[in-house]
C-alpha atoms as a PDB file:
ATOM      1  CA  MET A   1     117.010-193.877  57.491  1.00  0.00           C
ATOM      2  CA  ILE A   2     116.296-196.639  54.987  1.00  0.00           C
ATOM      3  CA  VAL A   3     113.593-196.054  52.395  1.00  0.00           C
ATOM      4  CA  LYS A   4     111.999-199.231  51.131  1.00  0.00           C
ATOM      5  CA  ILE A   5     110.908-199.146  47.494  1.00  0.00           C
ATOM      6  CA  VAL A   6     107.946-201.402  46.847  1.00  0.00           C
ATOM      7  CA  ASP A   7     107.769-202.875  43.355  1.00  0.00           C
ATOM      8  CA  ILE A   8     104.077-203.255  42.599  1.00  0.00           C
ATOM      9  CA  MET A   9     103.499-206.495  40.714  1.00  0.00           C
ATOM     10  CA  ARG A  10     100.837-206.522  38.026  1.00  0.00           C
ATOM     11  CA  SER A  11      97.632-208.198  39.161  1.00  0.00           C
ATOM     12  CA  ASP A  12      97.933-210.887  36.471  1.00  0.00           C
ATOM     13  CA  LYS A  13     101.618-211.540  37.324  1.00  0.00           C
ATOM     14  CA  ARG A  14     102.905-210.359  33.924  1.00  0.00           C
ATOM     15  CA  LYS A  15     106.242-208.632  33.435  1.00  0.00           C
ATOM     16  CA  ASP A  16     106.078-204.927  32.634  1.00  0.00           C
ATOM     17  CA  ASP A  17     106.964-205.531  28.969  1.00  0.00           C
ATOM     18  CA  GLU A  18     104.735-208.595  28.531  1.00  0.00           C
ATOM     19  CA  PHE A  19     101.390-208.596  26.734  1.00  0.00           C
ATOM     20  CA  ARG A  20      98.502-210.828  27.727  1.00  0.00           C
ATOM     21  CA  SER A  21      98.093-214.350  26.358  1.00  0.00           C
ATOM     22  CA  VAL A  22      96.968-214.422  22.737  1.00  0.00           C
ATOM     23  CA  LYS A  23      94.618-216.817  20.947  1.00  0.00           C
ATOM     24  CA  ILE A  24      94.019-216.637  17.204  1.00  0.00           C
ATOM     25  CA  LYS A  25      91.596-218.550  14.991  1.00  0.00           C
ATOM     26  CA  LEU A  26      91.246-217.848  11.284  1.00  0.00           C
ATOM     27  CA  ASN A  27      88.302-218.114   8.890  1.00  0.00           C
ATOM     28  CA  VAL A  28      85.685-218.392  11.610  1.00  0.00           C
ATOM     29  CA  VAL A  29      82.915-216.601   9.654  1.00  0.00           C
ATOM     30  CA  LYS A  30      81.788-218.747   6.733  1.00  0.00           C
ATOM     31  CA  SER A  31      79.995-215.936   4.889  1.00  0.00           C
ATOM     32  CA  ALA A  32      83.096-213.694   4.857  1.00  0.00           C
ATOM     33  CA  LEU A  33      85.964-213.831   2.382  1.00  0.00           C
ATOM     34  CA  GLY A  34      88.375-213.733   5.322  1.00  0.00           C
ATOM     35  CA  SER A  35      87.874-213.593   9.077  1.00  0.00           C
ATOM     36  CA  CYS A  36      89.699-213.840  12.385  1.00  0.00           C
ATOM     37  CA  TYR A  37      88.971-214.418  16.051  1.00  0.00           C
ATOM     38  CA  PHE A  38      91.636-212.606  18.102  1.00  0.00           C
ATOM     39  CA  GLU A  39      91.767-212.861  21.867  1.00  0.00           C
ATOM     40  CA  MET A  40      94.210-210.965  24.070  1.00  0.00           C
ATOM     41  CA  GLY A  41      93.676-211.704  27.729  1.00  0.00           C
ATOM     42  CA  LYS A  42      89.993-211.085  28.439  1.00  0.00           C
ATOM     43  CA  THR A  43      89.437-208.972  25.317  1.00  0.00           C
ATOM     44  CA  ALA A  44      88.041-210.881  22.340  1.00  0.00           C
ATOM     45  CA  VAL A  45      87.178-209.681  18.828  1.00  0.00           C
ATOM     46  CA  ILE A  46      85.879-211.246  15.629  1.00  0.00           C
ATOM     47  CA  ALA A  47      86.771-209.401  12.417  1.00  0.00           C
ATOM     48  CA  ALA A  48      85.401-210.293   8.989  1.00  0.00           C
ATOM     49  CA  THR A  49      86.339-208.970   5.541  1.00  0.00           C
ATOM     50  CA  TYR A  50      83.808-208.651   2.717  1.00  0.00           C
ATOM     51  CA  GLY A  51      84.720-207.636  -0.817  1.00  0.00           C
ATOM     52  CA  PRO A  52      86.136-206.258  -2.963  1.00  0.00           C
ATOM     53  CA  GLN A  53      82.570-205.295  -3.898  1.00  0.00           C
ATOM     54  CA  ASP A  54      80.902-202.585  -5.931  1.00  0.00           C
ATOM     55  CA  VAL A  55      80.581-199.173  -4.309  1.00  0.00           C
ATOM     56  CA  LYS A  56      76.976-198.107  -3.788  1.00  0.00           C
ATOM     57  CA  PRO A  57      75.887-195.503  -4.650  1.00  0.00           C
ATOM     58  CA  LYS A  58      78.221-195.579  -7.637  1.00  0.00           C
ATOM     59  CA  HIS A  59      79.080-191.861  -7.537  1.00  0.00           C
ATOM     60  CA  LEU A  60      81.025-192.474  -4.293  1.00  0.00           C
ATOM     61  CA  GLU A  61      83.552-194.805  -5.941  1.00  0.00           C
ATOM     62  CA  ASP A  62      87.178-193.680  -6.382  1.00  0.00           C
ATOM     63  CA  ALA A  63      88.649-194.243  -9.844  1.00  0.00           C
ATOM     64  CA  GLU A  64      92.217-194.263  -8.477  1.00  0.00           C
ATOM     65  CA  LYS A  65      92.023-196.372  -5.322  1.00  0.00           C
ATOM     66  CA  GLY A  66      89.795-198.683  -3.356  1.00  0.00           C
ATOM     67  CA  ILE A  67      87.712-197.592  -0.395  1.00  0.00           C
ATOM     68  CA  ILE A  68      88.072-199.198   3.027  1.00  0.00           C
ATOM     69  CA  MET A  69      85.064-199.174   5.325  1.00  0.00           C
ATOM     70  CA  CYS A  70      85.442-200.325   8.932  1.00  0.00           C
ATOM     71  CA  ASN A  71      82.618-201.013  11.357  1.00  0.00           C
ATOM     72  CA  TYR A  72      83.569-201.446  15.031  1.00  0.00           C
ATOM     73  CA  ASN A  73      80.787-202.543  17.361  1.00  0.00           C
ATOM     74  CA  MET A  74      80.750-203.575  21.015  1.00  0.00           C
ATOM     75  CA  LEU A  75      78.095-206.205  21.644  1.00  0.00           C
ATOM     76  CA  PRO A  76      75.687-205.539  24.556  1.00  0.00           C
ATOM     77  CA  PHE A  77      77.130-208.382  26.666  1.00  0.00           C
ATOM     78  CA  SER A  78      80.794-207.491  26.006  1.00  0.00           C
ATOM     79  CA  VAL A  79      81.261-205.384  29.152  1.00  0.00           C
ATOM     80  CA  GLU A  80      80.781-206.294  32.806  1.00  0.00           C
ATOM     81  CA  GLY A  81      78.008-204.644  34.782  1.00  0.00           C
ATOM     82  CA  ASP A  82      75.388-202.682  32.868  1.00  0.00           C
ATOM     83  CA  ARG A  83      74.758-204.011  29.371  1.00  0.00           C
ATOM     84  CA  LYS A  84      75.873-201.748  26.559  1.00  0.00           C
ATOM     85  CA  ARG A  85      73.004-200.275  24.571  1.00  0.00           C
ATOM     86  CA  PRO A  86      72.776-202.028  21.162  1.00  0.00           C
ATOM     87  CA  GLY A  87      73.931-200.186  18.044  1.00  0.00           C
ATOM     88  CA  TYR A  88      76.651-197.734  17.109  1.00  0.00           C
ATOM     89  CA  ASP A  89      77.572-194.744  19.250  1.00  0.00           C
ATOM     90  CA  ARG A  90      80.082-191.908  18.947  1.00  0.00           C
ATOM     91  CA  ARG A  91      82.906-194.039  20.349  1.00  0.00           C
ATOM     92  CA  SER A  92      82.210-196.822  17.837  1.00  0.00           C
ATOM     93  CA  VAL A  93      82.311-194.335  14.964  1.00  0.00           C
ATOM     94  CA  GLU A  94      85.591-192.839  16.244  1.00  0.00           C
ATOM     95  CA  ILE A  95      87.289-196.226  16.669  1.00  0.00           C
ATOM     96  CA  SER A  96      86.019-197.391  13.263  1.00  0.00           C
ATOM     97  CA  LYS A  97      87.839-194.402  11.758  1.00  0.00           C
ATOM     98  CA  VAL A  98      90.979-195.118  13.812  1.00  0.00           C
ATOM     99  CA  VAL A  99      91.109-198.740  12.640  1.00  0.00           C
ATOM    100  CA  LYS A 100      90.533-197.705   9.018  1.00  0.00           C
ATOM    101  CA  GLU A 101      93.381-195.184   9.116  1.00  0.00           C
ATOM    102  CA  SER A 102      95.661-197.723  10.830  1.00  0.00           C
ATOM    103  CA  LEU A 103      95.129-200.334   8.108  1.00  0.00           C
ATOM    104  CA  GLU A 104      95.052-198.214   4.943  1.00  0.00           C
ATOM    105  CA  PRO A 105      98.845-197.662   4.687  1.00  0.00           C
ATOM    106  CA  ALA A 106      99.361-201.447   4.555  1.00  0.00           C
ATOM    107  CA  ILE A 107      96.922-202.096   1.689  1.00  0.00           C
ATOM    108  CA  PHE A 108      97.656-201.708  -2.028  1.00  0.00           C
ATOM    109  CA  LEU A 109      94.514-199.614  -2.481  1.00  0.00           C
ATOM    110  CA  GLU A 110      95.383-198.781  -6.096  1.00  0.00           C
ATOM    111  CA  GLU A 111      94.726-202.419  -6.994  1.00  0.00           C
ATOM    112  CA  TYR A 112      91.109-202.034  -5.876  1.00  0.00           C
ATOM    113  CA  ALA A 113      90.146-198.833  -7.703  1.00  0.00           C
ATOM    114  CA  LYS A 114      86.359-198.382  -7.901  1.00  0.00           C
ATOM    115  CA  TYR A 115      85.789-201.106  -5.305  1.00  0.00           C
ATOM    116  CA  LEU A 116      84.904-201.257  -1.619  1.00  0.00           C
ATOM    117  CA  ILE A 117      86.471-203.498   1.032  1.00  0.00           C
ATOM    118  CA  ASN A 118      84.313-203.802   4.126  1.00  0.00           C
ATOM    119  CA  ILE A 119      85.741-204.872   7.500  1.00  0.00           C
ATOM    120  CA  ASP A 120      83.305-205.709  10.281  1.00  0.00           C
ATOM    121  CA  MET A 121      84.591-205.984  13.869  1.00  0.00           C
ATOM    122  CA  GLN A 122      82.470-207.277  16.725  1.00  0.00           C
ATOM    123  CA  ILE A 123      83.770-206.945  20.289  1.00  0.00           C
ATOM    124  CA  LEU A 124      82.688-210.111  22.090  1.00  0.00           C
ATOM    125  CA  GLN A 125      84.396-209.313  25.395  1.00  0.00           C
ATOM    126  CA  ALA A 126      86.067-206.095  26.519  1.00  0.00           C
ATOM    127  CA  ASP A 127      88.789-205.709  29.130  1.00  0.00           C
ATOM    128  CA  ALA A 128      90.863-202.804  27.779  1.00  0.00           C
ATOM    129  CA  GLY A 129      92.721-202.547  24.484  1.00  0.00           C
ATOM    130  CA  THR A 130      89.694-203.221  22.291  1.00  0.00           C
ATOM    131  CA  ARG A 131      90.860-200.983  19.444  1.00  0.00           C
ATOM    132  CA  VAL A 132      94.306-202.586  19.178  1.00  0.00           C
ATOM    133  CA  VAL A 133      92.864-206.094  19.368  1.00  0.00           C
ATOM    134  CA  ALA A 134      90.390-205.078  16.651  1.00  0.00           C
ATOM    135  CA  ILE A 135      93.281-203.856  14.480  1.00  0.00           C
ATOM    136  CA  ASN A 136      95.152-207.152  14.932  1.00  0.00           C
ATOM    137  CA  ALA A 137      92.031-209.139  14.062  1.00  0.00           C
ATOM    138  CA  ALA A 138      91.158-206.939  11.077  1.00  0.00           C
ATOM    139  CA  ALA A 139      94.681-207.173   9.634  1.00  0.00           C
ATOM    140  CA  LEU A 140      94.494-210.964   9.748  1.00  0.00           C
ATOM    141  CA  ALA A 141      90.988-210.965   8.261  1.00  0.00           C
ATOM    142  CA  LEU A 142      92.321-208.915   5.330  1.00  0.00           C
ATOM    143  CA  ALA A 143      95.224-211.312   4.850  1.00  0.00           C
ATOM    144  CA  CYS A 144      92.884-214.330   4.971  1.00  0.00           C
ATOM    145  CA  ALA A 145      90.737-212.667   2.307  1.00  0.00           C
ATOM    146  CA  GLY A 146      93.747-212.422   0.004  1.00  0.00           C
ATOM    147  CA  ILE A 147      93.755-208.622  -0.025  1.00  0.00           C
ATOM    148  CA  SER A 148      97.081-207.338  -1.394  1.00  0.00           C
ATOM    149  CA  MET A 149      99.085-205.882   1.480  1.00  0.00           C
ATOM    150  CA  ARG A 150     102.517-204.328   1.893  1.00  0.00           C
ATOM    151  CA  ASP A 151     102.726-205.760   5.392  1.00  0.00           C
ATOM    152  CA  ILE A 152     100.624-207.033   8.268  1.00  0.00           C
ATOM    153  CA  VAL A 153      99.575-204.424  10.852  1.00  0.00           C
ATOM    154  CA  SER A 154     100.264-205.204  14.517  1.00  0.00           C
ATOM    155  CA  ALA A 155      98.992-203.193  17.467  1.00  0.00           C
ATOM    156  CA  VAL A 156      99.233-202.951  21.240  1.00  0.00           C
ATOM    157  CA  ALA A 157      98.433-200.434  23.964  1.00  0.00           C
ATOM    158  CA  VAL A 158     101.367-199.241  26.067  1.00  0.00           C
ATOM    159  CA  GLY A 159     101.168-196.776  28.895  1.00  0.00           C
ATOM    160  CA  ARG A 160     101.937-195.865  32.464  1.00  0.00           C
ATOM    161  CA  ALA A 161     100.269-197.054  35.632  1.00  0.00           C
ATOM    162  CA  ASN A 162     101.469-196.826  39.221  1.00  0.00           C
ATOM    163  CA  GLY A 163     104.637-195.059  38.071  1.00  0.00           C
ATOM    164  CA  LYS A 164     105.743-197.777  35.635  1.00  0.00           C
ATOM    165  CA  ILE A 165     105.720-198.105  31.846  1.00  0.00           C
ATOM    166  CA  LEU A 166     103.564-201.141  31.037  1.00  0.00           C
ATOM    167  CA  VAL A 167     102.740-203.072  27.884  1.00  0.00           C
ATOM    168  CA  ASP A 168      99.118-204.064  27.184  1.00  0.00           C
ATOM    169  CA  LEU A 169      97.292-202.354  30.036  1.00  0.00           C
ATOM    170  CA  THR A 170      94.318-204.028  31.698  1.00  0.00           C
ATOM    171  CA  LYS A 171      91.163-202.111  32.630  1.00  0.00           C
ATOM    172  CA  GLU A 172      92.407-201.940  36.217  1.00  0.00           C
ATOM    173  CA  GLU A 173      95.706-200.392  35.067  1.00  0.00           C
ATOM    174  CA  GLU A 174      93.915-197.952  32.770  1.00  0.00           C
ATOM    175  CA  ASP A 175      92.013-196.686  35.816  1.00  0.00           C
ATOM    176  CA  ALA A 176      95.175-195.935  37.851  1.00  0.00           C
ATOM    177  CA  GLU A 177      95.471-192.348  39.065  1.00  0.00           C
ATOM    178  CA  ASP A 178      98.604-191.635  36.986  1.00  0.00           C
ATOM    179  CA  ALA A 179      97.499-193.679  33.966  1.00  0.00           C
ATOM    180  CA  ILE A 180      98.589-192.980  30.394  1.00  0.00           C
ATOM    181  CA  ASP A 181      97.083-195.095  27.616  1.00  0.00           C
ATOM    182  CA  THR A 182      98.846-195.099  24.244  1.00  0.00           C
ATOM    183  CA  PRO A 183      97.532-197.362  21.465  1.00  0.00           C
ATOM    184  CA  ILE A 184     100.264-198.047  18.888  1.00  0.00           C
ATOM    185  CA  ALA A 185     100.066-199.853  15.536  1.00  0.00           C
ATOM    186  CA  ILE A 186     102.967-200.524  13.184  1.00  0.00           C
ATOM    187  CA  MET A 187     103.869-202.194   9.921  1.00  0.00           C
ATOM    188  CA  PRO A 188     106.596-204.386  11.449  1.00  0.00           C
ATOM    189  CA  LYS A 189     108.551-205.132   8.285  1.00  0.00           C
ATOM    190  CA  PHE A 190     109.061-201.425   7.615  1.00  0.00           C
ATOM    191  CA  GLY A 191     109.079-200.213  11.221  1.00  0.00           C
ATOM    192  CA  GLU A 192     106.474-197.589  10.310  1.00  0.00           C
ATOM    193  CA  ILE A 193     103.872-196.394  12.813  1.00  0.00           C
ATOM    194  CA  THR A 194     100.310-196.292  11.454  1.00  0.00           C
ATOM    195  CA  LEU A 195      98.634-195.381  14.757  1.00  0.00           C
ATOM    196  CA  LEU A 196      99.826-193.391  17.744  1.00  0.00           C
ATOM    197  CA  GLN A 197      97.277-191.997  20.188  1.00  0.00           C
ATOM    198  CA  MET A 198      97.628-190.898  23.789  1.00  0.00           C
ATOM    199  CA  ASP A 199      95.175-190.431  26.624  1.00  0.00           C
ATOM    200  CA  GLY A 200      96.935-188.646  29.478  1.00  0.00           C
ATOM    201  CA  ILE A 201     100.009-186.476  30.024  1.00  0.00           C
ATOM    202  CA  ALA A 202     103.529-187.844  29.569  1.00  0.00           C
ATOM    203  CA  SER A 203     107.071-186.499  29.610  1.00  0.00           C
ATOM    204  CA  VAL A 204     109.182-186.722  26.465  1.00  0.00           C
ATOM    205  CA  ASP A 205     111.302-189.426  28.129  1.00  0.00           C
ATOM    206  CA  ASP A 206     108.217-191.475  29.003  1.00  0.00           C
ATOM    207  CA  MET A 207     106.900-191.165  25.446  1.00  0.00           C
ATOM    208  CA  LYS A 208     110.207-192.409  24.041  1.00  0.00           C
ATOM    209  CA  LYS A 209     110.032-195.426  26.360  1.00  0.00           C
ATOM    210  CA  ILE A 210     106.382-196.054  25.467  1.00  0.00           C
ATOM    211  CA  ILE A 211     107.072-196.007  21.726  1.00  0.00           C
ATOM    212  CA  LYS A 212     110.135-198.245  22.105  1.00  0.00           C
ATOM    213  CA  GLN A 213     108.230-200.771  24.235  1.00  0.00           C
ATOM    214  CA  GLY A 214     105.266-200.602  21.869  1.00  0.00           C
ATOM    215  CA  GLU A 215     107.347-201.303  18.788  1.00  0.00           C
ATOM    216  CA  ALA A 216     109.052-204.269  20.472  1.00  0.00           C
ATOM    217  CA  ALA A 217     105.711-205.743  21.573  1.00  0.00           C
ATOM    218  CA  CYS A 218     104.189-205.213  18.109  1.00  0.00           C
ATOM    219  CA  GLN A 219     107.073-207.121  16.542  1.00  0.00           C
ATOM    220  CA  LYS A 220     106.273-210.079  18.816  1.00  0.00           C
ATOM    221  CA  ILE A 221     102.569-209.853  17.984  1.00  0.00           C
ATOM    222  CA  ALA A 222     103.454-209.751  14.276  1.00  0.00           C
ATOM    223  CA  GLU A 223     105.316-213.027  14.699  1.00  0.00           C
ATOM    224  CA  LEU A 224     102.178-214.609  16.176  1.00  0.00           C
ATOM    225  CA  GLN A 225     100.099-213.214  13.309  1.00  0.00           C
ATOM    226  CA  ARG A 226     102.480-214.633  10.706  1.00  0.00           C
ATOM    227  CA  ASN A 227     102.522-218.017  12.458  1.00  0.00           C
ATOM    228  CA  ALA A 228      98.731-218.030  12.489  1.00  0.00           C
ATOM    229  CA  LEU A 229      98.630-217.380   8.745  1.00  0.00           C
ATOM    230  CA  LYS A 230     101.047-220.256   8.179  1.00  0.00           C
ATOM    231  CA  ASN A 231      99.321-222.711  10.503  1.00  0.00           C
ATOM    232  CA  GLY A 232      95.703-221.562  10.388  1.00  0.00           C
ATOM    233  CA  ILE A 233      95.438-221.359  14.181  1.00  0.00           C
ATOM    234  CA  HIS A 234      97.782-220.326  16.972  1.00  0.00           C
ATOM    235  CA  SER A 235      97.464-219.799  20.693  1.00  0.00           C
ATOM    236  CA  ILE A 236      99.867-219.206  23.564  1.00  0.00           C
END
């Protein structure tokens, strides 16, 4: 008896370790000190950095380090089907906190004692991976604003779908019966992970593969980010 193993190709024809096409544009918001449009596949985000600015009310300021405030918001027309209700919800608050904690290790916060740095992220179009695309955009917006950083922060979602470990899952892959979704962010120069979340159940071996694939993909994304900072715009 011969058992035929069917290798399920990804719907967008990508290799298992390949992330979606990336487009980057810098300084797209004139009123912001630094900003970035970051597109990965069908997910698109604009991030803008404001500050350093005074903390208000003043009693909330930190005499030893700066305060980072992140605001993640999905616009009503960003998702297919029913329009998202305008304004912030519990998910937006949670992802705002995730992005903040992903970026803080890369920033020399002690240089901004008593000041606030505000990062605004608007999701223009959502097709999975919005938090990691927001992190990539926000990191570039910080760099464009001249905020002192130890390193850029690069992020990607890696997971499992249809029995395979995949980089940069689409919405369709996230909805697979055996799906695992693992957003990962790193400081590529130091090889340090600043974000590691998981939605689903994975074996230790699968998690090792996911982290390894995630780090490799983040290094490639970091190269695109650095090229964008050198050239002002980059797309592949």
